[in-house]
Amino acid sequence: MKAKTRRRYLALKIDSKEKISQKELMNAVWDAVLRLYGEYGASKTSLALIRYDAEKNLAIIRVAHTETEKIRAAVATITEIASKPAATHILTVSGTIKKLCKKLESNFKP
């Protein structure tokens, strides 16, 4: 029997003067992961976008718990998104979306 997949949820803050779409954000994150770890490393991350708020420039992404540090490193290398100057910061990490929203005290409702 296969063990349950453990996940971590990361809250990202995007600093940019221009609007960033969720597709542009995820392309930038995937590109950063691929640059650092290659296709095999990227395939192990189980990276997925859960929520994105373009008005507040906040995003929640899900990753495999064993790959959290790799994603943190990859996100730190992002300096532009879709040829627009931008920086991404990880605000907090949690094991559940509910706790993550509680830590953020934001309008991200589970």
PDB file of N, CA and C in Angstrom:
ATOM      1  N   MET A   1       0.842  -1.180   0.000  1.00  0.00           N
ATOM      2  CA  MET A   1       0.000   0.000   0.000  1.00  0.00           C
ATOM      3  C   MET A   1       0.890   1.248   0.000  1.00  0.00           C
ATOM      4  N   LYS A   2       0.565   2.189  -0.854  1.00  0.00           N
ATOM      5  CA  LYS A   2       1.354   3.412  -0.970  1.00  0.00           C
ATOM      6  C   LYS A   2       1.029   4.361   0.182  1.00  0.00           C
ATOM      7  N   ALA A   3       2.065   4.949   0.744  1.00  0.00           N
ATOM      8  CA  ALA A   3       1.892   5.909   1.840  1.00  0.00           C
ATOM      9  C   ALA A   3       1.271   7.203   1.309  1.00  0.00           C
ATOM     10  N   LYS A   4       0.578   7.901   2.178  1.00  0.00           N
ATOM     11  CA  LYS A   4      -0.035   9.172   1.812  1.00  0.00           C
ATOM     12  C   LYS A   4       1.046  10.198   1.476  1.00  0.00           C
ATOM     13  N   THR A   5       0.810  10.937   0.404  1.00  0.00           N
ATOM     14  CA  THR A   5       1.754  11.965  -0.014  1.00  0.00           C
ATOM     15  C   THR A   5       1.639  13.164   0.916  1.00  0.00           C
ATOM     16  N   ARG A   6       2.735  13.537   1.536  1.00  0.00           N
ATOM     17  CA  ARG A   6       2.743  14.714   2.409  1.00  0.00           C
ATOM     18  C   ARG A   6       3.079  15.939   1.568  1.00  0.00           C
ATOM     19  N   ARG A   7       2.409  17.038   1.893  1.00  0.00           N
ATOM     20  CA  ARG A   7       2.577  18.262   1.121  1.00  0.00           C
ATOM     21  C   ARG A   7       2.828  19.443   2.040  1.00  0.00           C
ATOM     22  N   ARG A   8       3.362  20.494   1.461  1.00  0.00           N
ATOM     23  CA  ARG A   8       3.518  21.762   2.152  1.00  0.00           C
ATOM     24  C   ARG A   8       2.931  22.847   1.258  1.00  0.00           C
ATOM     25  N   TYR A   9       2.394  23.865   1.895  1.00  0.00           N
ATOM     26  CA  TYR A   9       1.801  24.995   1.185  1.00  0.00           C
ATOM     27  C   TYR A   9       2.629  26.232   1.485  1.00  0.00           C
ATOM     28  N   LEU A  10       3.020  26.950   0.437  1.00  0.00           N
ATOM     29  CA  LEU A  10       3.851  28.132   0.572  1.00  0.00           C
ATOM     30  C   LEU A  10       3.067  29.361   0.131  1.00  0.00           C
ATOM     31  N   ALA A  11       3.105  30.399   0.943  1.00  0.00           N
ATOM     32  CA  ALA A  11       2.486  31.681   0.587  1.00  0.00           C
ATOM     33  C   ALA A  11       3.565  32.568  -0.027  1.00  0.00           C
ATOM     34  N   LEU A  12       3.313  33.032  -1.239  1.00  0.00           N
ATOM     35  CA  LEU A  12       4.264  33.875  -1.958  1.00  0.00           C
ATOM     36  C   LEU A  12       3.725  35.287  -2.089  1.00  0.00           C
ATOM     37  N   LYS A  13       4.602  36.254  -1.949  1.00  0.00           N
ATOM     38  CA  LYS A  13       4.294  37.662  -2.200  1.00  0.00           C
ATOM     39  C   LYS A  13       5.095  38.072  -3.417  1.00  0.00           C
ATOM     40  N   ILE A  14       4.423  38.637  -4.409  1.00  0.00           N
ATOM     41  CA  ILE A  14       5.090  39.066  -5.630  1.00  0.00           C
ATOM     42  C   ILE A  14       5.221  40.583  -5.594  1.00  0.00           C
ATOM     43  N   ASP A  15       6.455  41.068  -5.674  1.00  0.00           N
ATOM     44  CA  ASP A  15       6.712  42.506  -5.712  1.00  0.00           C
ATOM     45  C   ASP A  15       6.954  42.920  -7.154  1.00  0.00           C
ATOM     46  N   SER A  16       5.978  43.622  -7.708  1.00  0.00           N
ATOM     47  CA  SER A  16       6.097  44.096  -9.077  1.00  0.00           C
ATOM     48  C   SER A  16       5.184  45.300  -9.253  1.00  0.00           C
ATOM     49  N   LYS A  17       5.626  46.240 -10.048  1.00  0.00           N
ATOM     50  CA  LYS A  17       4.802  47.413 -10.314  1.00  0.00           C
ATOM     51  C   LYS A  17       3.749  47.120 -11.378  1.00  0.00           C
ATOM     52  N   GLU A  18       3.970  46.064 -12.135  1.00  0.00           N
ATOM     53  CA  GLU A  18       3.041  45.697 -13.202  1.00  0.00           C
ATOM     54  C   GLU A  18       2.207  44.494 -12.771  1.00  0.00           C
ATOM     55  N   LYS A  19       1.068  44.320 -13.434  1.00  0.00           N
ATOM     56  CA  LYS A  19       0.194  43.178 -13.154  1.00  0.00           C
ATOM     57  C   LYS A  19       0.841  41.896 -13.674  1.00  0.00           C
ATOM     58  N   ILE A  20       0.745  40.867 -12.861  1.00  0.00           N
ATOM     59  CA  ILE A  20       1.283  39.556 -13.216  1.00  0.00           C
ATOM     60  C   ILE A  20       0.117  38.571 -13.224  1.00  0.00           C
ATOM     61  N   SER A  21      -0.038  37.838 -14.312  1.00  0.00           N
ATOM     62  CA  SER A  21      -1.103  36.829 -14.363  1.00  0.00           C
ATOM     63  C   SER A  21      -0.626  35.554 -13.682  1.00  0.00           C
ATOM     64  N   GLN A  22      -1.573  34.691 -13.344  1.00  0.00           N
ATOM     65  CA  GLN A  22      -1.186  33.459 -12.661  1.00  0.00           C
ATOM     66  C   GLN A  22      -0.369  32.549 -13.582  1.00  0.00           C
ATOM     67  N   LYS A  23      -0.661  32.586 -14.868  1.00  0.00           N
ATOM     68  CA  LYS A  23       0.110  31.774 -15.818  1.00  0.00           C
ATOM     69  C   LYS A  23       1.564  32.264 -15.894  1.00  0.00           C
ATOM     70  N   GLU A  24       1.740  33.582 -15.928  1.00  0.00           N
ATOM     71  CA  GLU A  24       3.091  34.151 -15.969  1.00  0.00           C
ATOM     72  C   GLU A  24       3.869  33.797 -14.698  1.00  0.00           C
ATOM     73  N   LEU A  25       3.183  33.843 -13.553  1.00  0.00           N
ATOM     74  CA  LEU A  25       3.825  33.503 -12.284  1.00  0.00           C
ATOM     75  C   LEU A  25       4.287  32.055 -12.280  1.00  0.00           C
ATOM     76  N   MET A  26       3.392  31.144 -12.652  1.00  0.00           N
ATOM     77  CA  MET A  26       3.754  29.727 -12.622  1.00  0.00           C
ATOM     78  C   MET A  26       4.834  29.396 -13.650  1.00  0.00           C
ATOM     79  N   ASN A  27       4.807  30.058 -14.792  1.00  0.00           N
ATOM     80  CA  ASN A  27       5.874  29.852 -15.775  1.00  0.00           C
ATOM     81  C   ASN A  27       7.226  30.273 -15.194  1.00  0.00           C
ATOM     82  N   ALA A  28       7.243  31.378 -14.479  1.00  0.00           N
ATOM     83  CA  ALA A  28       8.486  31.858 -13.863  1.00  0.00           C
ATOM     84  C   ALA A  28       8.980  30.893 -12.789  1.00  0.00           C
ATOM     85  N   VAL A  29       8.063  30.368 -11.975  1.00  0.00           N
ATOM     86  CA  VAL A  29       8.450  29.422 -10.921  1.00  0.00           C
ATOM     87  C   VAL A  29       8.973  28.134 -11.549  1.00  0.00           C
ATOM     88  N   TRP A  30       8.260  27.604 -12.532  1.00  0.00           N
ATOM     89  CA  TRP A  30       8.718  26.382 -13.193  1.00  0.00           C
ATOM     90  C   TRP A  30      10.080  26.595 -13.867  1.00  0.00           C
ATOM     91  N   ASP A  31      10.264  27.733 -14.523  1.00  0.00           N
ATOM     92  CA  ASP A  31      11.548  28.018 -15.173  1.00  0.00           C
ATOM     93  C   ASP A  31      12.680  28.057 -14.152  1.00  0.00           C
ATOM     94  N   ALA A  32      12.437  28.654 -12.990  1.00  0.00           N
ATOM     95  CA  ALA A  32      13.459  28.725 -11.947  1.00  0.00           C
ATOM     96  C   ALA A  32      13.801  27.331 -11.429  1.00  0.00           C
ATOM     97  N   VAL A  33      12.800  26.502 -11.228  1.00  0.00           N
ATOM     98  CA  VAL A  33      13.027  25.132 -10.741  1.00  0.00           C
ATOM     99  C   VAL A  33      13.789  24.327 -11.798  1.00  0.00           C
ATOM    100  N   LEU A  34      13.382  24.458 -13.042  1.00  0.00           N
ATOM    101  CA  LEU A  34      14.060  23.728 -14.117  1.00  0.00           C
ATOM    102  C   LEU A  34      15.519  24.162 -14.269  1.00  0.00           C
ATOM    103  N   ARG A  35      15.774  25.467 -14.139  1.00  0.00           N
ATOM    104  CA  ARG A  35      17.151  25.970 -14.246  1.00  0.00           C
ATOM    105  C   ARG A  35      18.046  25.379 -13.155  1.00  0.00           C
ATOM    106  N   LEU A  36      17.514  25.315 -11.935  1.00  0.00           N
ATOM    107  CA  LEU A  36      18.324  24.854 -10.812  1.00  0.00           C
ATOM    108  C   LEU A  36      18.442  23.332 -10.721  1.00  0.00           C
ATOM    109  N   TYR A  37      17.356  22.615 -10.993  1.00  0.00           N
ATOM    110  CA  TYR A  37      17.330  21.177 -10.704  1.00  0.00           C
ATOM    111  C   TYR A  37      17.071  20.280 -11.909  1.00  0.00           C
ATOM    112  N   GLY A  38      16.805  20.858 -13.062  1.00  0.00           N
ATOM    113  CA  GLY A  38      16.562  20.051 -14.244  1.00  0.00           C
ATOM    114  C   GLY A  38      15.178  19.427 -14.230  1.00  0.00           C
ATOM    115  N   GLU A  39      14.895  18.653 -15.268  1.00  0.00           N
ATOM    116  CA  GLU A  39      13.571  18.066 -15.407  1.00  0.00           C
ATOM    117  C   GLU A  39      13.293  17.019 -14.335  1.00  0.00           C
ATOM    118  N   TYR A  40      14.283  16.202 -14.012  1.00  0.00           N
ATOM    119  CA  TYR A  40      14.073  15.172 -12.996  1.00  0.00           C
ATOM    120  C   TYR A  40      13.784  15.795 -11.633  1.00  0.00           C
ATOM    121  N   GLY A  41      14.557  16.798 -11.249  1.00  0.00           N
ATOM    122  CA  GLY A  41      14.334  17.477  -9.981  1.00  0.00           C
ATOM    123  C   GLY A  41      12.989  18.181  -9.947  1.00  0.00           C
ATOM    124  N   ALA A  42      12.592  18.790 -11.064  1.00  0.00           N
ATOM    125  CA  ALA A  42      11.311  19.481 -11.137  1.00  0.00           C
ATOM    126  C   ALA A  42      10.157  18.495 -11.039  1.00  0.00           C
ATOM    127  N   SER A  43      10.321  17.312 -11.597  1.00  0.00           N
ATOM    128  CA  SER A  43       9.230  16.328 -11.563  1.00  0.00           C
ATOM    129  C   SER A  43       8.961  15.822 -10.156  1.00  0.00           C
ATOM    130  N   LYS A  44       9.937  15.857  -9.284  1.00  0.00           N
ATOM    131  CA  LYS A  44       9.757  15.381  -7.913  1.00  0.00           C
ATOM    132  C   LYS A  44       9.074  16.405  -7.008  1.00  0.00           C
ATOM    133  N   THR A  45       8.948  17.645  -7.451  1.00  0.00           N
ATOM    134  CA  THR A  45       8.416  18.700  -6.588  1.00  0.00           C
ATOM    135  C   THR A  45       6.903  18.659  -6.412  1.00  0.00           C
ATOM    136  N   SER A  46       6.173  18.084  -7.350  1.00  0.00           N
ATOM    137  CA  SER A  46       4.695  18.085  -7.333  1.00  0.00           C
ATOM    138  C   SER A  46       4.156  19.512  -7.176  1.00  0.00           C
ATOM    139  N   LEU A  47       4.753  20.430  -7.878  1.00  0.00           N
ATOM    140  CA  LEU A  47       4.417  21.847  -7.787  1.00  0.00           C
ATOM    141  C   LEU A  47       3.054  22.135  -8.404  1.00  0.00           C
ATOM    142  N   ALA A  48       2.222  22.880  -7.673  1.00  0.00           N
ATOM    143  CA  ALA A  48       0.900  23.257  -8.188  1.00  0.00           C
ATOM    144  C   ALA A  48       0.477  24.592  -7.573  1.00  0.00           C
ATOM    145  N   LEU A  49      -0.201  25.399  -8.374  1.00  0.00           N
ATOM    146  CA  LEU A  49      -0.761  26.662  -7.891  1.00  0.00           C
ATOM    147  C   LEU A  49      -2.138  26.373  -7.302  1.00  0.00           C
ATOM    148  N   ILE A  50      -2.355  26.786  -6.066  1.00  0.00           N
ATOM    149  CA  ILE A  50      -3.630  26.563  -5.398  1.00  0.00           C
ATOM    150  C   ILE A  50      -4.518  27.798  -5.517  1.00  0.00           C
ATOM    151  N   ARG A  51      -3.987  28.955  -5.166  1.00  0.00           N
ATOM    152  CA  ARG A  51      -4.751  30.202  -5.246  1.00  0.00           C
ATOM    153  C   ARG A  51      -3.832  31.343  -5.686  1.00  0.00           C
ATOM    154  N   TYR A  52      -4.439  32.311  -6.367  1.00  0.00           N
ATOM    155  CA  TYR A  52      -3.688  33.488  -6.767  1.00  0.00           C
ATOM    156  C   TYR A  52      -4.604  34.702  -6.700  1.00  0.00           C
ATOM    157  N   ASP A  53      -4.143  35.744  -6.038  1.00  0.00           N
ATOM    158  CA  ASP A  53      -4.890  36.997  -5.931  1.00  0.00           C
ATOM    159  C   ASP A  53      -4.049  38.086  -6.603  1.00  0.00           C
ATOM    160  N   ALA A  54      -4.452  38.461  -7.805  1.00  0.00           N
ATOM    161  CA  ALA A  54      -3.700  39.449  -8.576  1.00  0.00           C
ATOM    162  C   ALA A  54      -3.741  40.833  -7.939  1.00  0.00           C
ATOM    163  N   GLU A  55      -4.821  41.157  -7.233  1.00  0.00           N
ATOM    164  CA  GLU A  55      -4.941  42.471  -6.591  1.00  0.00           C
ATOM    165  C   GLU A  55      -3.939  42.630  -5.449  1.00  0.00           C
ATOM    166  N   LYS A  56      -3.792  41.596  -4.638  1.00  0.00           N
ATOM    167  CA  LYS A  56      -2.880  41.646  -3.493  1.00  0.00           C
ATOM    168  C   LYS A  56      -1.490  41.099  -3.814  1.00  0.00           C
ATOM    169  N   ASN A  57      -1.323  40.560  -5.017  1.00  0.00           N
ATOM    170  CA  ASN A  57      -0.064  39.926  -5.423  1.00  0.00           C
ATOM    171  C   ASN A  57       0.345  38.816  -4.455  1.00  0.00           C
ATOM    172  N   LEU A  58      -0.613  37.992  -4.076  1.00  0.00           N
ATOM    173  CA  LEU A  58      -0.359  36.852  -3.202  1.00  0.00           C
ATOM    174  C   LEU A  58      -0.702  35.565  -3.928  1.00  0.00           C
ATOM    175  N   ALA A  59       0.072  34.532  -3.657  1.00  0.00           N
ATOM    176  CA  ALA A  59      -0.194  33.219  -4.250  1.00  0.00           C
ATOM    177  C   ALA A  59       0.066  32.136  -3.213  1.00  0.00           C
ATOM    178  N   ILE A  60      -0.648  31.027  -3.358  1.00  0.00           N
ATOM    179  CA  ILE A  60      -0.393  29.843  -2.544  1.00  0.00           C
ATOM    180  C   ILE A  60      -0.040  28.722  -3.507  1.00  0.00           C
ATOM    181  N   ILE A  61       1.119  28.108  -3.276  1.00  0.00           N
ATOM    182  CA  ILE A  61       1.521  26.966  -4.088  1.00  0.00           C
ATOM    183  C   ILE A  61       1.682  25.741  -3.199  1.00  0.00           C
ATOM    184  N   ARG A  62       1.487  24.567  -3.800  1.00  0.00           N
ATOM    185  CA  ARG A  62       1.624  23.311  -3.081  1.00  0.00           C
ATOM    186  C   ARG A  62       2.841  22.575  -3.621  1.00  0.00           C
ATOM    187  N   VAL A  63       3.631  21.985  -2.705  1.00  0.00           N
ATOM    188  CA  VAL A  63       4.810  21.210  -3.095  1.00  0.00           C
ATOM    189  C   VAL A  63       4.896  19.957  -2.233  1.00  0.00           C
ATOM    190  N   ALA A  64       5.675  19.000  -2.695  1.00  0.00           N
ATOM    191  CA  ALA A  64       5.951  17.820  -1.889  1.00  0.00           C
ATOM    192  C   ALA A  64       6.796  18.256  -0.693  1.00  0.00           C
ATOM    193  N   HIS A  65       6.516  17.687   0.479  1.00  0.00           N
ATOM    194  CA  HIS A  65       7.195  18.167   1.695  1.00  0.00           C
ATOM    195  C   HIS A  65       8.705  17.952   1.649  1.00  0.00           C
ATOM    196  N   THR A  66       9.173  16.946   0.928  1.00  0.00           N
ATOM    197  CA  THR A  66      10.617  16.698   0.848  1.00  0.00           C
ATOM    198  C   THR A  66      11.329  17.703  -0.054  1.00  0.00           C
ATOM    199  N   GLU A  67      10.562  18.424  -0.874  1.00  0.00           N
ATOM    200  CA  GLU A  67      11.142  19.346  -1.846  1.00  0.00           C
ATOM    201  C   GLU A  67      10.948  20.815  -1.472  1.00  0.00           C
ATOM    202  N   THR A  68      10.496  21.081  -0.272  1.00  0.00           N
ATOM    203  CA  THR A  68      10.200  22.457   0.139  1.00  0.00           C
ATOM    204  C   THR A  68      11.419  23.362   0.036  1.00  0.00           C
ATOM    205  N   GLU A  69      12.548  22.905   0.517  1.00  0.00           N
ATOM    206  CA  GLU A  69      13.756  23.739   0.487  1.00  0.00           C
ATOM    207  C   GLU A  69      14.213  24.022  -0.940  1.00  0.00           C
ATOM    208  N   LYS A  70      14.035  23.073  -1.837  1.00  0.00           N
ATOM    209  CA  LYS A  70      14.399  23.304  -3.239  1.00  0.00           C
ATOM    210  C   LYS A  70      13.524  24.398  -3.849  1.00  0.00           C
ATOM    211  N   ILE A  71      12.245  24.360  -3.541  1.00  0.00           N
ATOM    212  CA  ILE A  71      11.332  25.379  -4.068  1.00  0.00           C
ATOM    213  C   ILE A  71      11.660  26.744  -3.479  1.00  0.00           C
ATOM    214  N   ARG A  72      11.982  26.772  -2.188  1.00  0.00           N
ATOM    215  CA  ARG A  72      12.362  28.047  -1.560  1.00  0.00           C
ATOM    216  C   ARG A  72      13.576  28.647  -2.266  1.00  0.00           C
ATOM    217  N   ALA A  73      14.554  27.806  -2.582  1.00  0.00           N
ATOM    218  CA  ALA A  73      15.750  28.287  -3.275  1.00  0.00           C
ATOM    219  C   ALA A  73      15.416  28.764  -4.684  1.00  0.00           C
ATOM    220  N   ALA A  74      14.579  28.018  -5.387  1.00  0.00           N
ATOM    221  CA  ALA A  74      14.228  28.384  -6.758  1.00  0.00           C
ATOM    222  C   ALA A  74      13.438  29.693  -6.797  1.00  0.00           C
ATOM    223  N   VAL A  75      12.495  29.857  -5.881  1.00  0.00           N
ATOM    224  CA  VAL A  75      11.676  31.079  -5.846  1.00  0.00           C
ATOM    225  C   VAL A  75      12.558  32.295  -5.558  1.00  0.00           C
ATOM    226  N   ALA A  76      13.581  32.119  -4.761  1.00  0.00           N
ATOM    227  CA  ALA A  76      14.475  33.232  -4.422  1.00  0.00           C
ATOM    228  C   ALA A  76      15.270  33.723  -5.630  1.00  0.00           C
ATOM    229  N   THR A  77      15.419  32.896  -6.651  1.00  0.00           N
ATOM    230  CA  THR A  77      16.204  33.288  -7.824  1.00  0.00           C
ATOM    231  C   THR A  77      15.401  34.066  -8.857  1.00  0.00           C
ATOM    232  N   ILE A  78      14.097  34.187  -8.673  1.00  0.00           N
ATOM    233  CA  ILE A  78      13.251  34.879  -9.655  1.00  0.00           C
ATOM    234  C   ILE A  78      13.459  36.387  -9.553  1.00  0.00           C
ATOM    235  N   THR A  79      13.900  36.989 -10.661  1.00  0.00           N
ATOM    236  CA  THR A  79      14.117  38.436 -10.700  1.00  0.00           C
ATOM    237  C   THR A  79      13.219  39.131 -11.716  1.00  0.00           C
ATOM    238  N   GLU A  80      12.611  38.344 -12.605  1.00  0.00           N
ATOM    239  CA  GLU A  80      11.669  38.915 -13.553  1.00  0.00           C
ATOM    240  C   GLU A  80      10.628  37.866 -13.915  1.00  0.00           C
ATOM    241  N   ILE A  81       9.421  38.359 -14.170  1.00  0.00           N
ATOM    242  CA  ILE A  81       8.315  37.491 -14.553  1.00  0.00           C
ATOM    243  C   ILE A  81       7.767  38.028 -15.860  1.00  0.00           C
ATOM    244  N   ALA A  82       7.813  37.222 -16.903  1.00  0.00           N
ATOM    245  CA  ALA A  82       7.344  37.618 -18.241  1.00  0.00           C
ATOM    246  C   ALA A  82       8.005  38.920 -18.691  1.00  0.00           C
ATOM    247  N   SER A  83       9.298  38.999 -18.536  1.00  0.00           N
ATOM    248  CA  SER A  83      10.102  40.165 -18.928  1.00  0.00           C
ATOM    249  C   SER A  83       9.727  41.441 -18.183  1.00  0.00           C
ATOM    250  N   LYS A  84       9.081  41.298 -17.028  1.00  0.00           N
ATOM    251  CA  LYS A  84       8.748  42.438 -16.177  1.00  0.00           C
ATOM    252  C   LYS A  84       9.561  42.293 -14.899  1.00  0.00           C
ATOM    253  N   PRO A  85      10.243  43.342 -14.454  1.00  0.00           N
ATOM    254  CA  PRO A  85      11.007  43.242 -13.210  1.00  0.00           C
ATOM    255  C   PRO A  85      10.094  42.856 -12.045  1.00  0.00           C
ATOM    256  N   ALA A  86      10.504  41.845 -11.295  1.00  0.00           N
ATOM    257  CA  ALA A  86       9.687  41.370 -10.179  1.00  0.00           C
ATOM    258  C   ALA A  86      10.563  40.592  -9.209  1.00  0.00           C
ATOM    259  N   ALA A  87      10.099  40.509  -7.987  1.00  0.00           N
ATOM    260  CA  ALA A  87      10.759  39.697  -6.969  1.00  0.00           C
ATOM    261  C   ALA A  87       9.683  38.893  -6.253  1.00  0.00           C
ATOM    262  N   THR A  88      10.026  37.705  -5.833  1.00  0.00           N
ATOM    263  CA  THR A  88       9.077  36.884  -5.095  1.00  0.00           C
ATOM    264  C   THR A  88       9.654  36.575  -3.721  1.00  0.00           C
ATOM    265  N   HIS A  89       8.790  36.600  -2.734  1.00  0.00           N
ATOM    266  CA  HIS A  89       9.188  36.335  -1.355  1.00  0.00           C
ATOM    267  C   HIS A  89       8.262  35.287  -0.767  1.00  0.00           C
ATOM    268  N   ILE A  90       8.809  34.386   0.010  1.00  0.00           N
ATOM    269  CA  ILE A  90       7.989  33.396   0.696  1.00  0.00           C
ATOM    270  C   ILE A  90       7.627  33.976   2.055  1.00  0.00           C
ATOM    271  N   LEU A  91       6.331  34.143   2.277  1.00  0.00           N
ATOM    272  CA  LEU A  91       5.851  34.717   3.532  1.00  0.00           C
ATOM    273  C   LEU A  91       5.815  33.683   4.643  1.00  0.00           C
ATOM    274  N   THR A  92       5.269  32.506   4.344  1.00  0.00           N
ATOM    275  CA  THR A  92       5.165  31.456   5.348  1.00  0.00           C
ATOM    276  C   THR A  92       4.943  30.110   4.678  1.00  0.00           C
ATOM    277  N   VAL A  93       5.177  29.053   5.440  1.00  0.00           N
ATOM    278  CA  VAL A  93       5.003  27.679   4.970  1.00  0.00           C
ATOM    279  C   VAL A  93       4.145  26.956   5.992  1.00  0.00           C
ATOM    280  N   SER A  94       3.242  26.101   5.504  1.00  0.00           N
ATOM    281  CA  SER A  94       2.384  25.358   6.410  1.00  0.00           C
ATOM    282  C   SER A  94       2.035  24.000   5.812  1.00  0.00           C
ATOM    283  N   GLY A  95       1.551  23.114   6.662  1.00  0.00           N
ATOM    284  CA  GLY A  95       1.143  21.788   6.222  1.00  0.00           C
ATOM    285  C   GLY A  95      -0.292  21.745   5.726  1.00  0.00           C
ATOM    286  N   THR A  96      -1.095  22.758   6.062  1.00  0.00           N
ATOM    287  CA  THR A  96      -2.482  22.819   5.596  1.00  0.00           C
ATOM    288  C   THR A  96      -2.802  24.231   5.117  1.00  0.00           C
ATOM    289  N   ILE A  97      -3.758  24.309   4.207  1.00  0.00           N
ATOM    290  CA  ILE A  97      -4.168  25.611   3.689  1.00  0.00           C
ATOM    291  C   ILE A  97      -4.843  26.425   4.788  1.00  0.00           C
ATOM    292  N   LYS A  98      -5.607  25.745   5.627  1.00  0.00           N
ATOM    293  CA  LYS A  98      -6.328  26.430   6.703  1.00  0.00           C
ATOM    294  C   LYS A  98      -5.357  27.141   7.650  1.00  0.00           C
ATOM    295  N   LYS A  99      -4.304  26.465   8.070  1.00  0.00           N
ATOM    296  CA  LYS A  99      -3.301  27.077   8.956  1.00  0.00           C
ATOM    297  C   LYS A  99      -2.533  28.174   8.242  1.00  0.00           C
ATOM    298  N   LEU A 100      -2.268  27.974   6.967  1.00  0.00           N
ATOM    299  CA  LEU A 100      -1.561  28.984   6.189  1.00  0.00           C
ATOM    300  C   LEU A 100      -2.365  30.277   6.152  1.00  0.00           C
ATOM    301  N   CYS A 101      -3.669  30.166   5.899  1.00  0.00           N
ATOM    302  CA  CYS A 101      -4.537  31.347   5.866  1.00  0.00           C
ATOM    303  C   CYS A 101      -4.604  32.007   7.232  1.00  0.00           C
ATOM    304  N   LYS A 102      -4.595  31.204   8.274  1.00  0.00           N
ATOM    305  CA  LYS A 102      -4.622  31.742   9.630  1.00  0.00           C
ATOM    306  C   LYS A 102      -3.335  32.528   9.921  1.00  0.00           C
ATOM    307  N   LYS A 103      -2.200  31.988   9.474  1.00  0.00           N
ATOM    308  CA  LYS A 103      -0.921  32.684   9.658  1.00  0.00           C
ATOM    309  C   LYS A 103      -0.903  34.008   8.886  1.00  0.00           C
ATOM    310  N   LEU A 104      -1.493  33.992   7.704  1.00  0.00           N
ATOM    311  CA  LEU A 104      -1.507  35.193   6.863  1.00  0.00           C
ATOM    312  C   LEU A 104      -2.541  36.209   7.321  1.00  0.00           C
ATOM    313  N   GLU A 105      -3.571  35.736   7.999  1.00  0.00           N
ATOM    314  CA  GLU A 105      -4.692  36.588   8.390  1.00  0.00           C
ATOM    315  C   GLU A 105      -5.206  37.354   7.185  1.00  0.00           C
ATOM    316  N   SER A 106      -5.384  36.635   6.097  1.00  0.00           N
ATOM    317  CA  SER A 106      -5.798  37.269   4.841  1.00  0.00           C
ATOM    318  C   SER A 106      -7.185  36.803   4.435  1.00  0.00           C
ATOM    319  N   ASN A 107      -7.592  37.204   3.264  1.00  0.00           N
ATOM    320  CA  ASN A 107      -8.888  36.812   2.729  1.00  0.00           C
ATOM    321  C   ASN A 107      -8.831  35.499   1.976  1.00  0.00           C
ATOM    322  N   PHE A 108      -7.721  34.797   2.011  1.00  0.00           N
ATOM    323  CA  PHE A 108      -7.645  33.477   1.407  1.00  0.00           C
ATOM    324  C   PHE A 108      -8.424  32.521   2.293  1.00  0.00           C
ATOM    325  N   LYS A 109      -9.618  32.201   1.912  1.00  0.00           N
ATOM    326  CA  LYS A 109     -10.452  31.288   2.706  1.00  0.00           C
ATOM    327  C   LYS A 109     -10.295  29.871   2.172  1.00  0.00           C
ATOM    328  N   PRO A 110     -10.185  28.887   3.078  1.00  0.00           N
ATOM    329  CA  PRO A 110     -10.054  27.496   2.613  1.00  0.00           C
ATOM    330  C   PRO A 110     -11.306  26.990   1.939  1.00  0.00           C
TER     331      PRO A 110
END
